[in-house]
C-alpha atoms as a PDB file:
ATOM      1  CA  MET A   1     -67.591-114.073 -22.863  1.00  0.00           C
ATOM      2  CA  ALA A   2     -67.209-111.380 -25.508  1.00  0.00           C
ATOM      3  CA  SER A   3     -67.590-112.428 -29.117  1.00  0.00           C
ATOM      4  CA  PHE A   4     -65.042-112.046 -31.888  1.00  0.00           C
ATOM      5  CA  ALA A   5     -67.192-109.227 -33.286  1.00  0.00           C
ATOM      6  CA  GLU A   6     -66.247-107.234 -30.172  1.00  0.00           C
ATOM      7  CA  ALA A   7     -62.574-108.242 -30.278  1.00  0.00           C
ATOM      8  CA  PRO A   8     -59.773-105.771 -30.919  1.00  0.00           C
ATOM      9  CA  GLU A   9     -58.037-105.819 -34.292  1.00  0.00           C
ATOM     10  CA  GLY A  10     -55.353-108.497 -34.416  1.00  0.00           C
ATOM     11  CA  ASP A  11     -51.690-107.896 -35.185  1.00  0.00           C
ATOM     12  CA  ILE A  12     -50.068-110.648 -37.279  1.00  0.00           C
ATOM     13  CA  ALA A  13     -46.519-109.981 -36.012  1.00  0.00           C
ATOM     14  CA  LYS A  14     -47.605-110.111 -32.375  1.00  0.00           C
ATOM     15  CA  GLY A  15     -49.615-113.238 -33.145  1.00  0.00           C
ATOM     16  CA  ALA A  16     -46.507-114.866 -34.626  1.00  0.00           C
ATOM     17  CA  LYS A  17     -44.675-114.275 -31.344  1.00  0.00           C
ATOM     18  CA  ILE A  18     -47.570-115.774 -29.382  1.00  0.00           C
ATOM     19  CA  PHE A  19     -47.614-118.799 -31.695  1.00  0.00           C
ATOM     20  CA  LYS A  20     -43.866-119.290 -31.291  1.00  0.00           C
ATOM     21  CA  THR A  21     -43.993-119.152 -27.488  1.00  0.00           C
ATOM     22  CA  LYS A  22     -47.322-120.872 -26.781  1.00  0.00           C
ATOM     23  CA  CYS A  23     -48.216-123.088 -29.771  1.00  0.00           C
ATOM     24  CA  ALA A  24     -45.172-124.082 -31.850  1.00  0.00           C
ATOM     25  CA  GLN A  25     -44.037-126.731 -29.381  1.00  0.00           C
ATOM     26  CA  CYS A  26     -47.111-128.795 -30.358  1.00  0.00           C
ATOM     27  CA  HIS A  27     -48.302-127.389 -33.721  1.00  0.00           C
ATOM     28  CA  VAL A  28     -47.029-126.474 -37.185  1.00  0.00           C
ATOM     29  CA  ALA A  29     -48.975-123.648 -38.852  1.00  0.00           C
ATOM     30  CA  GLU A  30     -47.905-124.060 -42.480  1.00  0.00           C
ATOM     31  CA  ALA A  31     -49.840-126.429 -44.734  1.00  0.00           C
ATOM     32  CA  GLY A  32     -47.930-129.574 -45.583  1.00  0.00           C
ATOM     33  CA  GLY A  33     -45.952-129.669 -42.350  1.00  0.00           C
ATOM     34  CA  GLY A  34     -46.005-132.761 -40.184  1.00  0.00           C
ATOM     35  CA  HIS A  35     -47.997-133.333 -37.050  1.00  0.00           C
ATOM     36  CA  LYS A  36     -46.386-132.887 -33.655  1.00  0.00           C
ATOM     37  CA  GLN A  37     -48.106-133.542 -30.321  1.00  0.00           C
ATOM     38  CA  GLY A  38     -50.949-131.555 -31.898  1.00  0.00           C
ATOM     39  CA  PRO A  39     -52.152-131.573 -35.504  1.00  0.00           C
ATOM     40  CA  ASN A  40     -50.747-129.484 -38.330  1.00  0.00           C
ATOM     41  CA  LEU A  41     -52.887-126.335 -38.558  1.00  0.00           C
ATOM     42  CA  GLY A  42     -52.558-125.799 -42.307  1.00  0.00           C
ATOM     43  CA  GLY A  43     -56.021-125.220 -43.783  1.00  0.00           C
ATOM     44  CA  LEU A  44     -57.500-124.656 -40.321  1.00  0.00           C
ATOM     45  CA  PHE A  45     -60.129-122.068 -41.289  1.00  0.00           C
ATOM     46  CA  GLY A  46     -63.276-123.760 -42.538  1.00  0.00           C
ATOM     47  CA  ARG A  47     -62.188-127.212 -41.360  1.00  0.00           C
ATOM     48  CA  VAL A  48     -64.281-129.233 -38.907  1.00  0.00           C
ATOM     49  CA  SER A  49     -62.652-130.217 -35.595  1.00  0.00           C
ATOM     50  CA  GLY A  50     -61.133-133.675 -35.414  1.00  0.00           C
ATOM     51  CA  THR A  51     -60.793-134.188 -39.172  1.00  0.00           C
ATOM     52  CA  THR A  52     -57.135-133.582 -40.079  1.00  0.00           C
ATOM     53  CA  GLU A  53     -55.856-136.623 -41.959  1.00  0.00           C
ATOM     54  CA  GLY A  54     -53.226-138.649 -40.125  1.00  0.00           C
ATOM     55  CA  PHE A  55     -53.766-137.234 -36.630  1.00  0.00           C
ATOM     56  CA  ALA A  56     -55.252-139.250 -33.742  1.00  0.00           C
ATOM     57  CA  TYR A  57     -57.812-136.890 -32.195  1.00  0.00           C
ATOM     58  CA  SER A  58     -59.678-137.431 -28.951  1.00  0.00           C
ATOM     59  CA  ALA A  59     -63.298-138.559 -29.251  1.00  0.00           C
ATOM     60  CA  ALA A  60     -64.273-135.188 -27.746  1.00  0.00           C
ATOM     61  CA  ASN A  61     -62.616-133.297 -30.606  1.00  0.00           C
ATOM     62  CA  LYS A  62     -64.110-135.544 -33.275  1.00  0.00           C
ATOM     63  CA  ASN A  63     -67.587-135.391 -31.753  1.00  0.00           C
ATOM     64  CA  LYS A  64     -67.623-131.618 -31.205  1.00  0.00           C
ATOM     65  CA  GLY A  65     -67.906-131.030 -34.946  1.00  0.00           C
ATOM     66  CA  VAL A  66     -67.100-127.326 -34.716  1.00  0.00           C
ATOM     67  CA  LYS A  67     -66.232-125.529 -37.947  1.00  0.00           C
ATOM     68  CA  TRP A  68     -63.109-123.462 -37.264  1.00  0.00           C
ATOM     69  CA  GLY A  69     -63.320-119.759 -38.041  1.00  0.00           C
ATOM     70  CA  THR A  70     -62.443-116.490 -36.353  1.00  0.00           C
ATOM     71  CA  ASP A  71     -65.477-116.628 -34.066  1.00  0.00           C
ATOM     72  CA  THR A  72     -65.083-120.251 -32.961  1.00  0.00           C
ATOM     73  CA  LEU A  73     -61.316-119.905 -32.481  1.00  0.00           C
ATOM     74  CA  TYR A  74     -61.803-116.772 -30.391  1.00  0.00           C
ATOM     75  CA  ASP A  75     -64.074-118.675 -28.005  1.00  0.00           C
ATOM     76  CA  TYR A  76     -61.958-121.859 -28.093  1.00  0.00           C
ATOM     77  CA  LEU A  77     -58.659-120.096 -27.367  1.00  0.00           C
ATOM     78  CA  LEU A  78     -60.082-118.563 -24.197  1.00  0.00           C
ATOM     79  CA  ASN A  79     -60.326-121.996 -22.567  1.00  0.00           C
ATOM     80  CA  PRO A  80     -59.919-125.055 -24.819  1.00  0.00           C
ATOM     81  CA  LYS A  81     -60.834-127.588 -22.125  1.00  0.00           C
ATOM     82  CA  LYS A  82     -64.085-125.770 -21.380  1.00  0.00           C
ATOM     83  CA  TYR A  83     -64.947-125.362 -25.078  1.00  0.00           C
ATOM     84  CA  ILE A  84     -64.250-129.047 -25.845  1.00  0.00           C
ATOM     85  CA  PRO A  85     -64.502-131.031 -22.598  1.00  0.00           C
ATOM     86  CA  GLY A  86     -62.322-134.122 -22.890  1.00  0.00           C
ATOM     87  CA  THR A  87     -59.849-132.648 -25.389  1.00  0.00           C
ATOM     88  CA  LYS A  88     -56.258-133.900 -25.161  1.00  0.00           C
ATOM     89  CA  MET A  89     -54.943-130.373 -25.683  1.00  0.00           C
ATOM     90  CA  VAL A  90     -53.106-129.287 -22.530  1.00  0.00           C
ATOM     91  CA  PHE A  91     -53.000-125.563 -23.409  1.00  0.00           C
ATOM     92  CA  ALA A  92     -54.713-123.473 -20.704  1.00  0.00           C
ATOM     93  CA  GLY A  93     -55.840-120.749 -23.094  1.00  0.00           C
ATOM     94  CA  LEU A  94     -55.319-117.032 -23.683  1.00  0.00           C
ATOM     95  CA  LYS A  95     -57.314-114.863 -21.310  1.00  0.00           C
ATOM     96  CA  LYS A  96     -56.538-111.487 -22.928  1.00  0.00           C
ATOM     97  CA  PRO A  97     -58.798-110.592 -25.871  1.00  0.00           C
ATOM     98  CA  GLN A  98     -55.890-108.848 -27.633  1.00  0.00           C
ATOM     99  CA  ASP A  99     -53.709-111.965 -27.435  1.00  0.00           C
ATOM    100  CA  ARG A 100     -56.483-114.107 -28.917  1.00  0.00           C
ATOM    101  CA  ALA A 101     -57.121-111.576 -31.700  1.00  0.00           C
ATOM    102  CA  ASP A 102     -53.383-111.382 -32.483  1.00  0.00           C
ATOM    103  CA  LEU A 103     -53.012-115.170 -32.610  1.00  0.00           C
ATOM    104  CA  ILE A 104     -56.082-115.513 -34.841  1.00  0.00           C
ATOM    105  CA  ALA A 105     -54.699-112.847 -37.207  1.00  0.00           C
ATOM    106  CA  TYR A 106     -51.461-114.813 -37.447  1.00  0.00           C
ATOM    107  CA  LEU A 107     -53.258-118.136 -37.957  1.00  0.00           C
ATOM    108  CA  ALA A 108     -55.512-116.654 -40.657  1.00  0.00           C
ATOM    109  CA  ASP A 109     -52.404-115.498 -42.503  1.00  0.00           C
ATOM    110  CA  SER A 110     -50.122-118.486 -41.953  1.00  0.00           C
ATOM    111  CA  THR A 111     -52.451-121.483 -42.290  1.00  0.00           C
ATOM    112  CA  LYS A 112     -53.743-120.739 -45.811  1.00  0.00           C
END
């Protein structure tokens, strides 16, 4: 698995489209939004997995204790169930490095 350091540069606009088609059904990106099937992603960068107030995480997510950043998200988004075995997240992942980089660029911009 290539690291984020080797990833292509992300495109925020393309990442927004990926979020809309693959993530928005279960997540809200903007801080202050409600939870859906998945937690609100506002303030994602620098947060530890399984700690968003008011969301019922799986034990796997709580116990993983990963600090979310560009590098951890890049690995996680490849295959969430492999990265956090036992997660409730049903998303299969993004296999293309460019798609992951684009989504991370969008998340970095929209979850502040």
